[in-house]
N, C-alpha and C. Protein backbone atom coordinates (compact mmCIF):
# COMPACT_ATOMS: atom_id res chain seq x y z
N MET A 1 62.56 -27.89 -66.00
CA MET A 1 62.28 -28.56 -64.54
C MET A 1 63.24 -28.28 -63.29
N ALA A 2 63.08 -28.67 -62.23
CA ALA A 2 63.97 -28.23 -61.08
C ALA A 2 64.29 -29.81 -60.77
N GLU A 3 65.40 -29.90 -59.82
CA GLU A 3 65.93 -30.91 -59.12
C GLU A 3 65.35 -30.69 -57.73
N ILE A 4 64.49 -31.55 -57.39
CA ILE A 4 64.18 -31.76 -56.05
C ILE A 4 64.49 -32.58 -55.13
N GLY A 5 65.04 -32.19 -53.88
CA GLY A 5 65.39 -33.05 -52.83
C GLY A 5 64.57 -33.48 -51.93
N PHE A 6 63.76 -34.51 -51.48
CA PHE A 6 63.23 -34.50 -50.09
C PHE A 6 64.04 -34.93 -49.22
N TYR A 7 64.08 -34.37 -48.05
CA TYR A 7 65.01 -34.30 -47.10
C TYR A 7 64.01 -34.84 -45.70
N HIS A 8 64.22 -36.23 -45.26
CA HIS A 8 63.54 -37.03 -44.43
C HIS A 8 64.17 -36.95 -43.25
N LEU A 9 63.95 -36.01 -42.42
CA LEU A 9 64.29 -35.56 -40.90
C LEU A 9 64.14 -36.63 -39.97
N THR A 10 64.88 -37.36 -39.69
CA THR A 10 64.95 -38.56 -38.54
C THR A 10 65.69 -38.47 -37.33
N VAL A 11 66.45 -37.83 -37.30
CA VAL A 11 67.66 -37.88 -36.16
C VAL A 11 67.59 -36.40 -35.45
N THR A 12 67.78 -35.26 -36.60
CA THR A 12 68.00 -34.03 -36.05
C THR A 12 66.77 -33.19 -36.29
N PRO A 13 66.22 -32.27 -35.74
CA PRO A 13 65.34 -31.42 -36.24
C PRO A 13 65.59 -30.37 -37.43
N LEU A 14 64.61 -29.81 -37.78
CA LEU A 14 65.06 -29.00 -38.80
C LEU A 14 66.08 -27.63 -38.45
N GLU A 15 65.74 -27.40 -37.15
CA GLU A 15 66.66 -26.21 -36.74
C GLU A 15 68.50 -26.54 -36.46
N ARG A 16 68.63 -28.01 -36.69
CA ARG A 16 69.96 -28.53 -36.59
C ARG A 16 70.62 -28.78 -38.31
N ALA A 17 69.20 -29.30 -38.71
CA ALA A 17 69.67 -29.46 -40.38
C ALA A 17 69.54 -28.59 -41.23
N LEU A 18 68.69 -27.78 -41.09
CA LEU A 18 68.86 -26.59 -42.05
C LEU A 18 70.01 -25.82 -42.16
N PRO A 19 70.93 -25.25 -41.18
CA PRO A 19 71.91 -24.56 -40.92
C PRO A 19 73.11 -25.41 -41.69
N LYS A 20 73.13 -26.87 -41.68
CA LYS A 20 74.18 -27.10 -42.26
C LYS A 20 74.06 -27.48 -44.15
N LEU A 21 72.84 -27.53 -44.01
CA LEU A 21 72.59 -27.50 -45.72
C LEU A 21 72.49 -26.06 -46.48
N LEU A 22 72.17 -25.03 -45.36
CA LEU A 22 72.50 -23.69 -46.12
C LEU A 22 74.19 -23.02 -45.99
N GLU A 23 74.70 -24.08 -44.97
CA GLU A 23 76.24 -23.75 -45.37
C GLU A 23 76.96 -24.36 -46.26
N ARG A 24 76.62 -25.73 -46.74
CA ARG A 24 76.62 -26.21 -48.06
C ARG A 24 76.33 -25.52 -49.38
N THR A 25 75.44 -24.50 -49.32
CA THR A 25 74.90 -23.67 -50.31
C THR A 25 75.81 -22.72 -50.26
N MET A 26 76.01 -21.86 -49.02
CA MET A 26 76.92 -20.77 -49.02
C MET A 26 78.50 -21.32 -49.79
N GLN A 27 78.78 -22.39 -49.65
CA GLN A 27 80.03 -22.68 -49.81
C GLN A 27 80.02 -23.31 -51.40
N ALA A 28 78.95 -23.45 -51.99
CA ALA A 28 79.01 -23.69 -53.36
C ALA A 28 78.90 -22.21 -54.00
N GLY A 29 78.55 -21.32 -53.52
CA GLY A 29 78.76 -19.84 -53.79
C GLY A 29 77.22 -19.79 -54.50
N ARG A 30 76.21 -20.23 -53.91
CA ARG A 30 74.73 -19.98 -54.17
C ARG A 30 73.78 -19.44 -53.22
N ARG A 31 72.85 -18.67 -53.71
CA ARG A 31 71.78 -17.83 -53.29
C ARG A 31 70.89 -18.89 -52.60
N ALA A 32 70.03 -18.80 -51.49
CA ALA A 32 68.71 -19.40 -51.32
C ALA A 32 67.53 -18.59 -50.78
N VAL A 33 66.83 -19.08 -50.71
CA VAL A 33 65.16 -18.43 -50.29
C VAL A 33 64.82 -20.01 -49.46
N VAL A 34 64.35 -19.64 -48.20
CA VAL A 34 63.54 -20.55 -47.29
C VAL A 34 62.42 -20.03 -47.06
N LEU A 35 61.49 -20.79 -47.35
CA LEU A 35 60.18 -20.64 -47.20
C LEU A 35 59.33 -21.28 -46.17
N ALA A 36 58.85 -20.51 -45.07
CA ALA A 36 58.13 -21.11 -44.05
C ALA A 36 56.88 -21.05 -44.03
N ALA A 37 56.33 -21.79 -43.18
CA ALA A 37 54.87 -21.82 -42.80
C ALA A 37 54.16 -20.33 -42.53
N SER A 38 54.87 -19.63 -41.45
CA SER A 38 54.14 -18.49 -41.10
C SER A 38 55.51 -17.20 -40.95
N GLU A 39 54.59 -16.10 -40.78
CA GLU A 39 55.73 -15.36 -40.48
C GLU A 39 56.45 -15.09 -39.21
N GLU A 40 55.69 -15.91 -38.23
CA GLU A 40 56.20 -16.22 -36.74
C GLU A 40 57.32 -16.96 -36.77
N ARG A 41 57.11 -18.12 -37.73
CA ARG A 41 58.18 -19.16 -37.93
C ARG A 41 59.36 -18.63 -38.89
N VAL A 42 59.42 -17.65 -39.71
CA VAL A 42 60.59 -16.87 -40.64
C VAL A 42 61.43 -16.36 -39.36
N GLN A 43 60.52 -15.57 -38.30
CA GLN A 43 61.21 -15.01 -37.30
C GLN A 43 62.20 -15.99 -36.20
N ALA A 44 61.34 -17.06 -36.04
CA ALA A 44 62.17 -18.19 -35.09
C ALA A 44 63.23 -18.08 -35.98
N LEU A 45 63.08 -18.86 -37.18
CA LEU A 45 64.51 -19.29 -37.93
C LEU A 45 65.74 -18.33 -38.09
N ASN A 46 65.07 -17.20 -37.92
CA ASN A 46 66.14 -15.66 -38.17
C ASN A 46 66.75 -15.76 -37.11
N GLY A 47 65.92 -16.07 -35.77
CA GLY A 47 66.79 -15.85 -34.88
C GLY A 47 67.89 -17.24 -34.67
N MET A 48 67.37 -18.24 -35.24
CA MET A 48 67.99 -19.64 -34.89
C MET A 48 69.39 -19.61 -35.55
N LEU A 49 69.25 -18.93 -37.02
CA LEU A 49 70.47 -18.94 -37.85
C LEU A 49 71.81 -18.36 -37.27
N TRP A 50 71.39 -16.98 -36.20
CA TRP A 50 72.36 -16.40 -35.55
C TRP A 50 73.15 -17.09 -34.48
N THR A 51 72.27 -18.13 -33.91
CA THR A 51 72.85 -18.64 -32.67
C THR A 51 73.06 -20.54 -32.52
N TYR A 52 72.75 -21.15 -34.00
CA TYR A 52 72.74 -22.30 -34.15
C TYR A 52 74.05 -23.01 -33.75
N GLU A 53 75.03 -22.42 -33.79
CA GLU A 53 76.66 -23.17 -33.38
C GLU A 53 77.54 -22.21 -33.06
N ASP A 54 78.03 -22.18 -31.96
CA ASP A 54 78.96 -21.32 -31.74
C ASP A 54 79.99 -21.22 -32.79
N GLY A 55 80.79 -19.93 -33.13
CA GLY A 55 81.67 -19.53 -34.27
C GLY A 55 80.80 -19.73 -35.51
N SER A 56 80.00 -19.87 -35.83
CA SER A 56 79.08 -20.18 -37.05
C SER A 56 78.20 -18.90 -37.36
N TRP A 57 78.12 -18.73 -38.65
CA TRP A 57 77.42 -17.40 -38.89
C TRP A 57 76.85 -17.89 -40.52
N LEU A 58 75.74 -17.56 -40.84
CA LEU A 58 75.31 -17.71 -41.92
C LEU A 58 74.67 -15.71 -42.31
N PRO A 59 75.23 -15.38 -43.52
CA PRO A 59 74.54 -14.22 -43.79
C PRO A 59 73.00 -14.25 -44.34
N HIS A 60 72.32 -13.71 -43.60
CA HIS A 60 70.49 -14.04 -44.20
C HIS A 60 69.84 -12.76 -43.45
N GLY A 61 68.46 -12.93 -44.02
CA GLY A 61 67.83 -11.58 -43.65
C GLY A 61 66.36 -12.07 -44.01
N SER A 62 65.45 -11.17 -43.58
CA SER A 62 63.91 -11.44 -43.98
C SER A 62 63.27 -9.97 -44.42
N ALA A 63 62.14 -9.87 -44.40
CA ALA A 63 61.43 -8.58 -44.66
C ALA A 63 61.68 -7.54 -43.47
N ARG A 64 61.56 -7.89 -42.52
CA ARG A 64 61.90 -7.21 -41.51
C ARG A 64 63.74 -6.71 -41.20
N ASP A 65 64.07 -7.20 -41.77
CA ASP A 65 65.85 -6.53 -41.85
C ASP A 65 65.87 -5.84 -43.11
N GLY A 66 65.08 -6.36 -44.13
CA GLY A 66 65.31 -5.38 -45.34
C GLY A 66 66.76 -5.85 -46.24
N GLU A 67 67.01 -4.58 -46.97
CA GLU A 67 67.85 -4.98 -48.02
C GLU A 67 68.21 -6.53 -48.46
N ALA A 68 67.03 -6.74 -49.44
CA ALA A 68 67.00 -8.23 -49.64
C ALA A 68 67.74 -8.50 -50.85
N ALA A 69 68.02 -7.60 -51.77
CA ALA A 69 69.27 -8.01 -52.74
C ALA A 69 70.23 -8.25 -52.25
N GLU A 70 70.69 -7.88 -51.02
CA GLU A 70 71.77 -8.04 -50.42
C GLU A 70 72.31 -9.28 -49.68
N GLN A 71 71.15 -9.90 -49.12
CA GLN A 71 71.04 -11.30 -48.60
C GLN A 71 71.35 -12.55 -49.19
N PRO A 72 72.16 -13.05 -48.98
CA PRO A 72 72.82 -14.51 -49.70
C PRO A 72 71.16 -15.50 -49.26
N ILE A 73 70.97 -15.46 -47.89
CA ILE A 73 69.88 -16.31 -47.76
C ILE A 73 68.65 -15.56 -47.24
N TRP A 74 67.31 -15.96 -47.85
CA TRP A 74 66.24 -14.97 -47.58
C TRP A 74 65.44 -15.68 -47.05
N LEU A 75 64.96 -15.47 -45.95
CA LEU A 75 63.58 -16.14 -45.24
C LEU A 75 62.63 -15.52 -45.25
N THR A 76 61.38 -16.06 -45.54
CA THR A 76 60.13 -15.67 -45.88
C THR A 76 58.68 -16.71 -45.66
N ALA A 77 57.99 -16.07 -45.50
CA ALA A 77 56.50 -17.09 -45.61
C ALA A 77 55.84 -16.92 -46.87
N THR A 78 56.05 -16.00 -47.82
CA THR A 78 55.50 -16.11 -49.05
C THR A 78 56.48 -16.29 -50.19
N GLU A 79 55.98 -16.58 -51.36
CA GLU A 79 56.91 -17.37 -52.24
C GLU A 79 57.16 -15.73 -53.11
N GLU A 80 58.48 -15.58 -52.97
CA GLU A 80 59.31 -14.49 -53.56
C GLU A 80 60.46 -14.82 -53.73
N ARG A 81 61.14 -14.02 -54.43
CA ARG A 81 62.87 -14.34 -55.02
C ARG A 81 63.54 -12.87 -54.83
N PRO A 82 63.34 -12.16 -53.91
CA PRO A 82 64.05 -10.42 -53.81
C PRO A 82 65.34 -10.83 -53.98
N ASN A 83 66.16 -12.08 -53.73
CA ASN A 83 67.89 -12.00 -53.66
C ASN A 83 68.36 -12.67 -54.85
N GLY A 84 67.50 -12.58 -55.88
CA GLY A 84 67.96 -13.96 -57.23
C GLY A 84 68.47 -15.18 -56.57
N ALA A 85 68.01 -15.85 -55.85
CA ALA A 85 68.23 -16.99 -55.48
C ALA A 85 67.95 -18.22 -56.35
N ASP A 86 68.56 -18.93 -56.55
CA ASP A 86 68.62 -20.31 -57.55
C ASP A 86 68.05 -21.59 -56.75
N TYR A 87 68.23 -21.43 -55.40
CA TYR A 87 67.97 -22.64 -54.59
C TYR A 87 66.75 -22.32 -53.29
N LEU A 88 65.67 -23.28 -53.35
CA LEU A 88 64.54 -23.10 -52.67
C LEU A 88 64.16 -23.89 -51.40
N PHE A 89 64.42 -23.55 -50.18
CA PHE A 89 64.44 -24.76 -49.15
C PHE A 89 62.71 -24.80 -48.69
N LEU A 90 62.12 -25.47 -48.55
CA LEU A 90 60.71 -25.62 -48.07
C LEU A 90 60.87 -26.48 -47.12
N THR A 91 59.82 -25.52 -46.09
CA THR A 91 60.11 -26.01 -44.32
C THR A 91 58.72 -25.89 -44.03
N ASP A 92 58.30 -27.03 -42.89
CA ASP A 92 57.31 -26.95 -42.32
C ASP A 92 56.02 -26.94 -43.12
N GLY A 93 56.31 -28.09 -44.31
CA GLY A 93 55.09 -28.22 -45.00
C GLY A 93 55.05 -27.53 -46.37
N ALA A 94 55.73 -26.29 -46.03
CA ALA A 94 55.57 -25.29 -47.13
C ALA A 94 55.51 -25.95 -48.47
N ALA A 95 54.62 -25.09 -49.34
CA ALA A 95 54.81 -25.87 -50.96
C ALA A 95 54.71 -24.61 -51.94
N SER A 96 55.55 -24.79 -52.94
CA SER A 96 55.53 -23.81 -54.05
C SER A 96 54.68 -24.31 -55.18
N ALA A 97 53.93 -23.07 -55.68
CA ALA A 97 53.58 -23.55 -57.06
C ALA A 97 54.15 -23.05 -58.42
N ALA A 98 55.42 -22.95 -58.00
CA ALA A 98 56.47 -22.41 -59.06
C ALA A 98 58.02 -23.17 -58.73
N LEU A 99 57.63 -24.44 -59.06
CA LEU A 99 58.84 -25.28 -58.71
C LEU A 99 59.76 -25.35 -59.65
N SER A 100 59.02 -25.13 -61.01
CA SER A 100 60.22 -24.96 -62.41
C SER A 100 60.92 -24.11 -62.11
N ASP A 101 60.38 -23.06 -61.58
CA ASP A 101 61.27 -21.40 -61.67
C ASP A 101 62.62 -21.55 -60.97
N TRP A 102 63.10 -22.75 -60.01
CA TRP A 102 64.12 -22.79 -59.51
C TRP A 102 65.29 -23.86 -59.83
N GLU A 103 66.39 -24.24 -59.71
CA GLU A 103 67.24 -24.77 -60.31
C GLU A 103 67.22 -26.05 -59.16
N ARG A 104 67.37 -25.75 -58.01
CA ARG A 104 67.07 -26.88 -56.94
C ARG A 104 66.12 -26.36 -55.87
N VAL A 105 65.30 -27.38 -55.20
CA VAL A 105 64.67 -27.33 -54.27
C VAL A 105 64.98 -28.14 -53.12
N PHE A 106 64.49 -27.92 -52.17
CA PHE A 106 64.76 -29.09 -50.84
C PHE A 106 63.78 -28.86 -50.15
N ASP A 107 63.04 -29.91 -50.03
CA ASP A 107 61.89 -30.15 -49.47
C ASP A 107 62.28 -31.01 -47.94
N LEU A 108 62.15 -30.28 -46.83
CA LEU A 108 62.70 -30.68 -45.41
C LEU A 108 61.17 -30.92 -44.77
N PHE A 109 61.49 -32.54 -44.18
CA PHE A 109 60.35 -32.74 -43.74
C PHE A 109 60.34 -33.55 -42.27
N ASP A 110 59.95 -33.36 -41.40
CA ASP A 110 59.84 -34.28 -40.29
C ASP A 110 59.40 -35.63 -40.22
N GLY A 111 60.17 -36.48 -39.94
CA GLY A 111 59.94 -38.12 -40.19
C GLY A 111 59.30 -38.57 -38.99
N ARG A 112 58.97 -37.76 -37.98
CA ARG A 112 58.75 -38.10 -36.82
C ARG A 112 57.01 -37.70 -36.46
N ASP A 113 56.60 -37.09 -37.73
CA ASP A 113 55.22 -36.52 -37.85
C ASP A 113 54.52 -36.94 -38.81
N ASP A 114 53.81 -38.18 -38.45
CA ASP A 114 52.67 -38.69 -39.53
C ASP A 114 52.53 -37.69 -40.53
N ALA A 115 51.71 -36.84 -40.05
CA ALA A 115 50.88 -35.94 -41.23
C ALA A 115 52.17 -35.37 -42.01
N ALA A 116 53.31 -34.64 -41.35
CA ALA A 116 54.22 -34.19 -42.39
C ALA A 116 55.09 -35.23 -43.08
N VAL A 117 54.62 -36.71 -42.88
CA VAL A 117 55.44 -37.56 -43.80
C VAL A 117 54.31 -37.68 -45.10
N THR A 118 52.97 -37.92 -44.73
CA THR A 118 51.98 -38.11 -45.50
C THR A 118 51.79 -36.96 -46.69
N ALA A 119 52.13 -35.53 -45.94
CA ALA A 119 52.18 -34.53 -46.91
C ALA A 119 53.38 -34.42 -47.90
N ALA A 120 54.34 -34.90 -47.36
CA ALA A 120 55.39 -35.27 -48.06
C ALA A 120 55.48 -35.98 -49.22
N ARG A 121 54.68 -37.05 -49.14
CA ARG A 121 54.31 -38.05 -50.03
C ARG A 121 53.49 -37.52 -51.11
N ILE A 122 52.44 -36.66 -50.63
CA ILE A 122 51.81 -36.06 -51.63
C ILE A 122 52.71 -35.14 -52.73
N ARG A 123 53.17 -34.32 -52.13
CA ARG A 123 54.44 -33.10 -52.51
C ARG A 123 55.26 -34.15 -53.80
N TRP A 124 55.64 -35.23 -53.02
CA TRP A 124 56.69 -36.19 -54.25
C TRP A 124 55.80 -36.53 -55.35
N LYS A 125 54.74 -36.93 -55.33
CA LYS A 125 53.82 -37.39 -56.35
C LYS A 125 53.47 -36.31 -57.51
N LEU A 126 52.97 -35.23 -56.86
CA LEU A 126 52.70 -33.94 -57.73
C LEU A 126 54.03 -33.67 -58.23
N ALA A 127 55.44 -33.40 -57.88
CA ALA A 127 56.29 -33.17 -58.38
C ALA A 127 56.96 -34.24 -59.62
N ARG A 128 56.91 -35.40 -59.24
CA ARG A 128 56.82 -36.43 -60.13
C ARG A 128 56.20 -36.14 -61.31
N ASP A 129 54.92 -36.19 -61.00
CA ASP A 129 54.05 -36.01 -62.24
C ASP A 129 54.09 -34.98 -62.99
N ALA A 130 54.58 -33.92 -62.13
CA ALA A 130 54.80 -32.25 -62.86
C ALA A 130 56.39 -32.75 -64.06
N GLY A 131 57.28 -34.08 -63.63
CA GLY A 131 58.13 -34.03 -64.42
C GLY A 131 59.36 -33.42 -64.13
N HIS A 132 59.54 -33.28 -62.54
CA HIS A 132 60.66 -32.76 -61.97
C HIS A 132 61.74 -33.94 -61.57
N THR A 133 62.70 -33.55 -61.69
CA THR A 133 63.95 -34.86 -61.09
C THR A 133 63.68 -34.91 -59.56
N LEU A 134 63.55 -36.06 -59.10
CA LEU A 134 63.46 -36.12 -57.83
C LEU A 134 64.50 -37.01 -57.25
N THR A 135 64.88 -36.83 -56.01
CA THR A 135 65.65 -37.60 -54.96
C THR A 135 65.21 -37.49 -53.58
N TYR A 136 65.60 -38.96 -52.82
CA TYR A 136 65.16 -38.86 -51.67
C TYR A 136 66.54 -39.07 -50.72
N TRP A 137 66.45 -38.21 -49.58
CA TRP A 137 67.64 -38.66 -48.61
C TRP A 137 67.06 -38.55 -47.38
N ARG A 138 67.76 -39.61 -46.53
CA ARG A 138 67.11 -39.59 -45.37
C ARG A 138 68.49 -39.49 -44.43
N GLN A 139 68.31 -39.24 -43.28
CA GLN A 139 69.40 -38.88 -42.03
C GLN A 139 70.03 -40.13 -41.76
N THR A 140 71.32 -40.13 -41.55
CA THR A 140 72.14 -41.10 -40.95
C THR A 140 72.21 -40.81 -39.29
N ASP A 141 72.64 -41.90 -38.87
CA ASP A 141 72.49 -41.87 -37.22
C ASP A 141 73.14 -40.71 -36.82
N ARG A 142 74.42 -40.23 -37.41
CA ARG A 142 75.49 -38.65 -36.98
C ARG A 142 74.42 -37.57 -37.66
N GLY A 143 73.60 -37.88 -38.26
CA GLY A 143 72.95 -36.65 -38.82
C GLY A 143 73.16 -36.02 -40.16
N GLY A 144 73.96 -36.96 -40.81
CA GLY A 144 74.54 -36.59 -42.26
C GLY A 144 73.14 -36.81 -43.30
N TRP A 145 73.76 -37.03 -44.53
CA TRP A 145 72.59 -37.76 -45.44
C TRP A 145 72.90 -38.36 -46.27
N GLU A 146 72.16 -39.33 -46.55
CA GLU A 146 72.67 -40.74 -47.34
C GLU A 146 71.29 -40.68 -48.53
N LYS A 147 71.87 -40.73 -49.94
CA LYS A 147 70.52 -40.90 -51.12
C LYS A 147 70.00 -42.51 -50.93
N ALA A 148 68.70 -42.20 -50.93
CA ALA A 148 68.08 -43.58 -50.95
C ALA A 148 67.50 -43.93 -52.01
N GLY A 149 67.05 -45.13 -52.19
CA GLY A 149 66.16 -45.84 -53.52
C GLY A 149 66.92 -45.33 -54.57
């Protein structure tokens, strides 16, 4: 079973929160797959990870870049793990049918979008019913995270 963290974005958008979580993943020496809702979103995230903050850089790639096995962070719109990652980041309401295959899953959802919150609640219930270990994280006023509940 996977450890699944639900990350409720209320202060900063995904484009600000995701790079910080990926930085922590890299600092821990782990590899990640970021699953987005579409190929267009993959390309937008790909560009954003190059420019999200002055002086910061996250090694990453997508199918357009190739060399999947060499990429510590792999961006995709399909369920795949070509870089041997243990961590899965779900964005834009993306869901995985193979949650148990991952050590950790990060489900990031927009708390300012009622439909996204409702969908996250459904994913929570399905993951709980499947026996996964769940945690709920909410953003602090400064954009950090606090474990809730």
